Amino acid sequence: MRRLLFLALFVLAGAVPALAQDPVKVDSKHYKVEFENSQVRVLRIKYGPHEKSVMHWHPNAIAVFVTDINGKFTFPNGKTEDNSAKAGETRWTPAGRHLPENTGDQPFEVILVELKTPKRKPAAKPASAPTNSNKQ
């Protein structure tokens, strides 16, 4: 029983990082970083006809469609959503995990501007009361 528990914990520890994978690292065939700074990361996304990615994660972003697209997203719960857009459209894309697929017969290209959340600075400690060092 103890071995089974350790095996389950090991599998879960390996699965958790896979759920939040960076598309540039896990699918460099389709995702290229064009620009990055402390506030945004700009990705160029290209899929050939009927190509599919792997499950990965994006933060909140703006998608700019360079070409027409016909695609499908598969989500971690197994649900799917068809997706189409025309060249020149822009869309807000909320953060989330998905597995994209080009369901069309033509390649497509998208520019994705991922927004980075600013790192919060720890709250400043309150100033301590001055001490009287002139005690006699």
N, C-alpha and C. Protein backbone atom coordinates (compact mmCIF):
# COMPACT_ATOMS: atom_id res chain seq x y z
N MET A 1 0.82 -1.19 0.00
CA MET A 1 0.00 0.00 0.00
C MET A 1 0.86 1.26 0.00
N ARG A 2 1.93 1.22 0.78
CA ARG A 2 2.81 2.38 0.86
C ARG A 2 3.49 2.64 -0.49
N ARG A 3 3.88 1.57 -1.16
CA ARG A 3 4.49 1.71 -2.49
C ARG A 3 3.52 2.35 -3.48
N LEU A 4 2.27 1.95 -3.40
CA LEU A 4 1.25 2.51 -4.29
C LEU A 4 1.09 4.00 -4.05
N LEU A 5 1.10 4.42 -2.79
CA LEU A 5 0.99 5.83 -2.47
C LEU A 5 2.18 6.61 -3.03
N PHE A 6 3.39 6.10 -2.86
CA PHE A 6 4.58 6.77 -3.40
C PHE A 6 4.54 6.82 -4.92
N LEU A 7 4.08 5.75 -5.54
CA LEU A 7 3.96 5.74 -7.00
C LEU A 7 2.97 6.79 -7.46
N ALA A 8 1.84 6.90 -6.79
CA ALA A 8 0.83 7.90 -7.15
C ALA A 8 1.39 9.31 -6.99
N LEU A 9 2.10 9.58 -5.90
CA LEU A 9 2.70 10.89 -5.69
C LEU A 9 3.74 11.21 -6.76
N PHE A 10 4.52 10.22 -7.15
CA PHE A 10 5.54 10.40 -8.18
C PHE A 10 4.88 10.75 -9.52
N VAL A 11 3.83 10.05 -9.87
CA VAL A 11 3.12 10.31 -11.13
C VAL A 11 2.51 11.71 -11.10
N LEU A 12 1.89 12.08 -9.98
CA LEU A 12 1.31 13.42 -9.88
C LEU A 12 2.37 14.50 -9.96
N ALA A 13 3.50 14.30 -9.32
CA ALA A 13 4.58 15.29 -9.37
C ALA A 13 5.08 15.49 -10.79
N GLY A 14 5.10 14.42 -11.57
CA GLY A 14 5.52 14.54 -12.96
C GLY A 14 4.45 15.15 -13.84
N ALA A 15 3.19 14.95 -13.49
CA ALA A 15 2.10 15.45 -14.33
C ALA A 15 1.85 16.94 -14.14
N VAL A 16 2.02 17.45 -12.95
CA VAL A 16 1.71 18.86 -12.68
C VAL A 16 2.52 19.80 -13.57
N PRO A 17 3.85 19.67 -13.68
CA PRO A 17 4.57 20.57 -14.58
C PRO A 17 4.12 20.44 -16.03
N ALA A 18 3.72 19.25 -16.44
CA ALA A 18 3.29 19.06 -17.83
C ALA A 18 2.01 19.82 -18.14
N LEU A 19 1.21 20.10 -17.10
CA LEU A 19 -0.04 20.81 -17.33
C LEU A 19 0.18 22.28 -17.66
N ALA A 20 1.31 22.85 -17.27
CA ALA A 20 1.55 24.28 -17.49
C ALA A 20 2.76 24.50 -18.39
N GLN A 21 2.90 23.70 -19.41
CA GLN A 21 4.09 23.77 -20.23
C GLN A 21 4.07 24.96 -21.19
N ASP A 22 5.26 25.51 -21.38
CA ASP A 22 5.49 26.63 -22.29
C ASP A 22 5.48 26.11 -23.73
N PRO A 23 4.62 26.64 -24.61
CA PRO A 23 4.55 26.12 -25.98
C PRO A 23 5.87 26.26 -26.74
N VAL A 24 6.67 27.27 -26.43
CA VAL A 24 7.95 27.44 -27.13
C VAL A 24 8.90 26.28 -26.79
N LYS A 25 8.80 25.78 -25.56
CA LYS A 25 9.68 24.67 -25.15
C LYS A 25 9.17 23.32 -25.60
N VAL A 26 7.86 23.12 -25.59
CA VAL A 26 7.32 21.80 -25.92
C VAL A 26 6.91 21.65 -27.37
N ASP A 27 6.84 22.77 -28.12
CA ASP A 27 6.43 22.71 -29.52
C ASP A 27 7.12 23.81 -30.33
N SER A 28 8.44 23.74 -30.38
CA SER A 28 9.20 24.78 -31.08
C SER A 28 8.99 24.74 -32.60
N LYS A 29 8.40 23.68 -33.10
CA LYS A 29 8.08 23.62 -34.54
C LYS A 29 7.04 24.69 -34.90
N HIS A 30 6.10 24.95 -34.00
CA HIS A 30 5.00 25.87 -34.28
C HIS A 30 5.12 27.22 -33.60
N TYR A 31 5.92 27.34 -32.52
CA TYR A 31 5.97 28.56 -31.71
C TYR A 31 7.38 29.13 -31.66
N LYS A 32 7.51 30.39 -32.05
CA LYS A 32 8.81 31.09 -32.03
C LYS A 32 8.64 32.41 -31.29
N VAL A 33 9.61 32.75 -30.43
CA VAL A 33 9.58 34.04 -29.74
C VAL A 33 10.14 35.09 -30.69
N GLU A 34 9.35 36.13 -30.96
CA GLU A 34 9.77 37.23 -31.83
C GLU A 34 10.33 38.40 -31.01
N PHE A 35 9.80 38.55 -29.79
CA PHE A 35 10.21 39.67 -28.93
C PHE A 35 9.80 39.33 -27.51
N GLU A 36 10.62 39.79 -26.55
CA GLU A 36 10.26 39.58 -25.15
C GLU A 36 10.91 40.66 -24.30
N ASN A 37 10.13 41.17 -23.34
CA ASN A 37 10.68 42.05 -22.32
C ASN A 37 9.95 41.75 -21.01
N SER A 38 10.04 42.63 -20.04
CA SER A 38 9.45 42.35 -18.73
C SER A 38 7.92 42.44 -18.74
N GLN A 39 7.33 42.99 -19.79
CA GLN A 39 5.87 43.17 -19.82
C GLN A 39 5.14 42.26 -20.79
N VAL A 40 5.79 41.88 -21.91
CA VAL A 40 5.14 41.05 -22.92
C VAL A 40 6.11 40.03 -23.51
N ARG A 41 5.52 39.02 -24.11
CA ARG A 41 6.27 38.10 -24.97
C ARG A 41 5.44 37.95 -26.23
N VAL A 42 6.08 38.16 -27.38
CA VAL A 42 5.39 38.08 -28.67
C VAL A 42 5.80 36.77 -29.35
N LEU A 43 4.80 35.95 -29.66
CA LEU A 43 5.05 34.67 -30.33
C LEU A 43 4.52 34.72 -31.75
N ARG A 44 5.28 34.10 -32.67
CA ARG A 44 4.79 33.85 -34.03
C ARG A 44 4.41 32.38 -34.06
N ILE A 45 3.16 32.13 -34.42
CA ILE A 45 2.61 30.77 -34.42
C ILE A 45 2.28 30.39 -35.86
N LYS A 46 2.83 29.27 -36.31
CA LYS A 46 2.56 28.79 -37.67
C LYS A 46 2.23 27.30 -37.63
N TYR A 47 1.11 26.96 -38.26
CA TYR A 47 0.70 25.56 -38.37
C TYR A 47 0.47 25.24 -39.83
N GLY A 48 0.93 24.08 -40.25
CA GLY A 48 0.61 23.58 -41.58
C GLY A 48 -0.77 22.96 -41.57
N PRO A 49 -1.28 22.60 -42.77
CA PRO A 49 -2.60 21.98 -42.84
C PRO A 49 -2.67 20.73 -41.96
N HIS A 50 -3.71 20.65 -41.14
CA HIS A 50 -4.01 19.49 -40.30
C HIS A 50 -2.93 19.18 -39.26
N GLU A 51 -2.07 20.13 -38.95
CA GLU A 51 -1.07 19.91 -37.91
C GLU A 51 -1.67 20.16 -36.54
N LYS A 52 -1.11 19.47 -35.55
CA LYS A 52 -1.61 19.52 -34.19
C LYS A 52 -0.44 19.78 -33.26
N SER A 53 -0.71 20.44 -32.14
CA SER A 53 0.32 20.72 -31.14
C SER A 53 0.22 19.71 -30.00
N VAL A 54 0.69 20.11 -28.84
CA VAL A 54 0.57 19.35 -27.61
C VAL A 54 -0.11 20.25 -26.59
N MET A 55 -0.61 19.69 -25.52
CA MET A 55 -1.25 20.48 -24.48
C MET A 55 -0.22 21.45 -23.90
N HIS A 56 -0.60 22.73 -23.83
CA HIS A 56 0.30 23.74 -23.27
C HIS A 56 -0.53 24.89 -22.71
N TRP A 57 0.16 25.88 -22.16
CA TRP A 57 -0.50 26.98 -21.44
C TRP A 57 -0.04 28.33 -21.97
N HIS A 58 -0.97 29.29 -22.00
CA HIS A 58 -0.65 30.69 -22.33
C HIS A 58 -1.24 31.58 -21.24
N PRO A 59 -0.56 32.68 -20.91
CA PRO A 59 -1.17 33.69 -20.05
C PRO A 59 -2.18 34.50 -20.88
N ASN A 60 -2.83 35.48 -20.27
CA ASN A 60 -3.71 36.38 -21.02
C ASN A 60 -2.94 36.94 -22.20
N ALA A 61 -3.61 37.09 -23.34
CA ALA A 61 -2.90 37.50 -24.55
C ALA A 61 -3.85 38.16 -25.54
N ILE A 62 -3.25 38.78 -26.54
CA ILE A 62 -3.97 39.32 -27.69
C ILE A 62 -3.49 38.53 -28.91
N ALA A 63 -4.43 37.97 -29.67
CA ALA A 63 -4.10 37.24 -30.89
C ALA A 63 -4.37 38.13 -32.10
N VAL A 64 -3.40 38.21 -33.00
CA VAL A 64 -3.54 38.94 -34.26
C VAL A 64 -3.41 37.91 -35.37
N PHE A 65 -4.47 37.72 -36.13
CA PHE A 65 -4.49 36.67 -37.16
C PHE A 65 -3.89 37.20 -38.45
N VAL A 66 -2.77 36.62 -38.85
CA VAL A 66 -2.07 37.03 -40.06
C VAL A 66 -2.76 36.44 -41.28
N THR A 67 -3.27 35.23 -41.13
CA THR A 67 -3.99 34.55 -42.22
C THR A 67 -5.35 34.10 -41.68
N ASP A 68 -6.22 33.66 -42.58
CA ASP A 68 -7.46 33.02 -42.14
C ASP A 68 -7.09 31.73 -41.42
N ILE A 69 -7.88 31.37 -40.43
CA ILE A 69 -7.63 30.10 -39.73
C ILE A 69 -8.91 29.31 -39.58
N ASN A 70 -8.77 28.01 -39.59
CA ASN A 70 -9.81 27.06 -39.21
C ASN A 70 -9.13 26.07 -38.29
N GLY A 71 -9.55 26.08 -37.05
CA GLY A 71 -8.88 25.23 -36.08
C GLY A 71 -9.81 24.71 -35.02
N LYS A 72 -9.19 24.02 -34.08
CA LYS A 72 -9.93 23.45 -32.97
C LYS A 72 -9.02 23.45 -31.76
N PHE A 73 -9.59 23.77 -30.59
CA PHE A 73 -8.89 23.65 -29.32
C PHE A 73 -9.47 22.47 -28.57
N THR A 74 -8.60 21.65 -28.00
CA THR A 74 -9.01 20.61 -27.07
C THR A 74 -8.52 21.03 -25.70
N PHE A 75 -9.39 20.99 -24.69
CA PHE A 75 -9.06 21.44 -23.36
C PHE A 75 -8.74 20.25 -22.45
N PRO A 76 -8.11 20.50 -21.31
CA PRO A 76 -7.71 19.39 -20.43
C PRO A 76 -8.86 18.48 -20.01
N ASN A 77 -10.08 19.01 -19.94
CA ASN A 77 -11.23 18.19 -19.55
C ASN A 77 -11.79 17.37 -20.71
N GLY A 78 -11.16 17.49 -21.91
CA GLY A 78 -11.59 16.72 -23.07
C GLY A 78 -12.56 17.44 -23.98
N LYS A 79 -13.12 18.55 -23.52
CA LYS A 79 -14.04 19.30 -24.37
C LYS A 79 -13.27 19.96 -25.51
N THR A 80 -13.95 20.17 -26.63
CA THR A 80 -13.33 20.81 -27.79
C THR A 80 -14.13 22.04 -28.19
N GLU A 81 -13.44 22.94 -28.89
CA GLU A 81 -14.07 24.17 -29.38
C GLU A 81 -13.51 24.49 -30.75
N ASP A 82 -14.39 24.60 -31.75
CA ASP A 82 -13.96 25.01 -33.08
C ASP A 82 -13.60 26.48 -33.05
N ASN A 83 -12.62 26.86 -33.85
CA ASN A 83 -12.14 28.23 -33.85
C ASN A 83 -11.84 28.64 -35.28
N SER A 84 -12.38 29.77 -35.70
CA SER A 84 -12.04 30.29 -37.02
C SER A 84 -11.90 31.80 -36.91
N ALA A 85 -11.07 32.37 -37.78
CA ALA A 85 -10.86 33.82 -37.81
C ALA A 85 -10.40 34.21 -39.21
N LYS A 86 -10.58 35.47 -39.52
CA LYS A 86 -10.14 36.02 -40.80
C LYS A 86 -8.84 36.79 -40.60
N ALA A 87 -8.02 36.84 -41.63
CA ALA A 87 -6.77 37.60 -41.60
C ALA A 87 -7.08 39.04 -41.19
N GLY A 88 -6.29 39.58 -40.27
CA GLY A 88 -6.48 40.94 -39.81
C GLY A 88 -7.29 41.08 -38.55
N GLU A 89 -8.02 40.04 -38.14
CA GLU A 89 -8.80 40.10 -36.90
C GLU A 89 -7.86 40.08 -35.70
N THR A 90 -8.33 40.68 -34.61
CA THR A 90 -7.63 40.59 -33.33
C THR A 90 -8.61 40.12 -32.28
N ARG A 91 -8.11 39.37 -31.31
CA ARG A 91 -8.97 38.85 -30.25
C ARG A 91 -8.23 38.81 -28.93
N TRP A 92 -8.98 39.00 -27.86
CA TRP A 92 -8.49 38.77 -26.51
C TRP A 92 -8.56 37.28 -26.26
N THR A 93 -7.49 36.71 -25.71
CA THR A 93 -7.50 35.29 -25.37
C THR A 93 -7.13 35.14 -23.90
N PRO A 94 -8.08 34.71 -23.08
CA PRO A 94 -7.79 34.57 -21.65
C PRO A 94 -6.80 33.43 -21.38
N ALA A 95 -6.10 33.54 -20.27
CA ALA A 95 -5.13 32.52 -19.89
C ALA A 95 -5.78 31.15 -19.82
N GLY A 96 -5.02 30.14 -20.21
CA GLY A 96 -5.55 28.79 -20.11
C GLY A 96 -4.69 27.77 -20.83
N ARG A 97 -5.09 26.50 -20.62
CA ARG A 97 -4.42 25.37 -21.25
C ARG A 97 -5.27 24.88 -22.42
N HIS A 98 -4.57 24.46 -23.48
CA HIS A 98 -5.29 23.90 -24.62
C HIS A 98 -4.31 23.14 -25.52
N LEU A 99 -4.90 22.37 -26.40
CA LEU A 99 -4.15 21.67 -27.44
C LEU A 99 -4.76 22.14 -28.76
N PRO A 100 -4.02 23.00 -29.50
CA PRO A 100 -4.57 23.51 -30.76
C PRO A 100 -4.32 22.57 -31.94
N GLU A 101 -5.19 22.71 -32.93
CA GLU A 101 -5.07 21.90 -34.15
C GLU A 101 -5.57 22.72 -35.32
N ASN A 102 -4.85 22.67 -36.44
CA ASN A 102 -5.31 23.29 -37.68
C ASN A 102 -6.19 22.27 -38.37
N THR A 103 -7.48 22.54 -38.42
CA THR A 103 -8.41 21.60 -39.07
C THR A 103 -8.62 21.94 -40.54
N GLY A 104 -7.94 22.99 -41.01
CA GLY A 104 -8.11 23.43 -42.40
C GLY A 104 -7.10 22.80 -43.34
N ASP A 105 -7.31 23.07 -44.63
CA ASP A 105 -6.43 22.56 -45.68
C ASP A 105 -5.32 23.55 -46.03
N GLN A 106 -5.30 24.71 -45.39
CA GLN A 106 -4.28 25.74 -45.64
C GLN A 106 -3.47 25.99 -44.37
N PRO A 107 -2.21 26.38 -44.52
CA PRO A 107 -1.44 26.76 -43.33
C PRO A 107 -2.03 28.03 -42.71
N PHE A 108 -1.75 28.24 -41.42
CA PHE A 108 -2.17 29.50 -40.83
C PHE A 108 -1.05 30.08 -39.98
N GLU A 109 -1.18 31.41 -39.74
CA GLU A 109 -0.17 32.14 -38.96
C GLU A 109 -0.88 33.14 -38.05
N VAL A 110 -0.40 33.20 -36.80
CA VAL A 110 -0.97 34.08 -35.78
C VAL A 110 0.18 34.73 -35.03
N ILE A 111 0.02 36.00 -34.67
CA ILE A 111 0.93 36.66 -33.74
C ILE A 111 0.21 36.72 -32.40
N LEU A 112 0.84 36.19 -31.36
CA LEU A 112 0.23 36.18 -30.03
C LEU A 112 1.07 37.05 -29.10
N VAL A 113 0.46 38.08 -28.55
CA VAL A 113 1.13 38.98 -27.61
C VAL A 113 0.70 38.56 -26.21
N GLU A 114 1.57 37.81 -25.54
CA GLU A 114 1.29 37.34 -24.19
C GLU A 114 1.62 38.44 -23.18
N LEU A 115 0.70 38.68 -22.26
CA LEU A 115 0.90 39.70 -21.24
C LEU A 115 1.52 39.08 -20.00
N LYS A 116 2.52 39.71 -19.48
CA LYS A 116 3.16 39.22 -18.26
C LYS A 116 2.61 39.99 -17.07
N THR A 117 2.35 39.26 -16.00
CA THR A 117 1.88 39.93 -14.79
C THR A 117 3.09 40.49 -14.06
N PRO A 118 3.00 41.74 -13.64
CA PRO A 118 4.14 42.29 -12.92
C PRO A 118 4.37 41.54 -11.62
N LYS A 119 5.61 41.33 -11.29
CA LYS A 119 5.93 40.68 -10.03
C LYS A 119 5.69 41.67 -8.90
N ARG A 120 4.98 41.23 -7.91
CA ARG A 120 4.68 42.12 -6.79
C ARG A 120 5.85 42.19 -5.84
N LYS A 121 6.13 43.39 -5.41
CA LYS A 121 7.17 43.58 -4.41
C LYS A 121 6.57 43.28 -3.05
N PRO A 122 7.36 42.69 -2.14
CA PRO A 122 6.82 42.43 -0.81
C PRO A 122 6.46 43.75 -0.13
N ALA A 123 5.43 43.70 0.67
CA ALA A 123 5.00 44.90 1.38
C ALA A 123 6.13 45.39 2.29
N ALA A 124 6.28 46.69 2.33
CA ALA A 124 7.32 47.27 3.18
C ALA A 124 6.97 47.04 4.64
N LYS A 125 7.99 46.76 5.43
CA LYS A 125 7.76 46.57 6.85
C LYS A 125 7.50 47.94 7.46
N PRO A 126 6.57 47.99 8.42
CA PRO A 126 6.30 49.28 9.06
C PRO A 126 7.53 49.75 9.82
N ALA A 127 7.73 51.04 9.79
CA ALA A 127 8.89 51.61 10.49
C ALA A 127 8.72 51.36 11.99
N SER A 128 9.81 50.93 12.62
CA SER A 128 9.71 50.69 14.05
C SER A 128 9.85 52.00 14.80
N ALA A 129 9.31 52.03 15.97
CA ALA A 129 9.36 53.25 16.78
C ALA A 129 10.81 53.57 17.12
N PRO A 130 11.19 54.83 17.08
CA PRO A 130 12.57 55.18 17.39
C PRO A 130 12.91 54.79 18.82
N THR A 131 14.12 54.36 18.99
CA THR A 131 14.57 53.99 20.33
C THR A 131 15.33 55.14 20.94
N ASN A 132 15.22 55.28 22.20
CA ASN A 132 15.92 56.34 22.92
C ASN A 132 17.24 55.77 23.43
N SER A 133 18.31 56.12 22.73
CA SER A 133 19.61 55.56 23.12
C SER A 133 20.34 56.45 24.11
N ASN A 134 19.72 57.52 24.57
CA ASN A 134 20.36 58.42 25.52
C ASN A 134 19.90 58.17 26.94
N LYS A 135 19.65 56.93 27.24
CA LYS A 135 19.20 56.62 28.60
C LYS A 135 20.35 56.81 29.56
N GLN A 136 20.03 57.24 30.74
CA GLN A 136 21.06 57.46 31.76
C GLN A 136 21.00 56.45 32.83
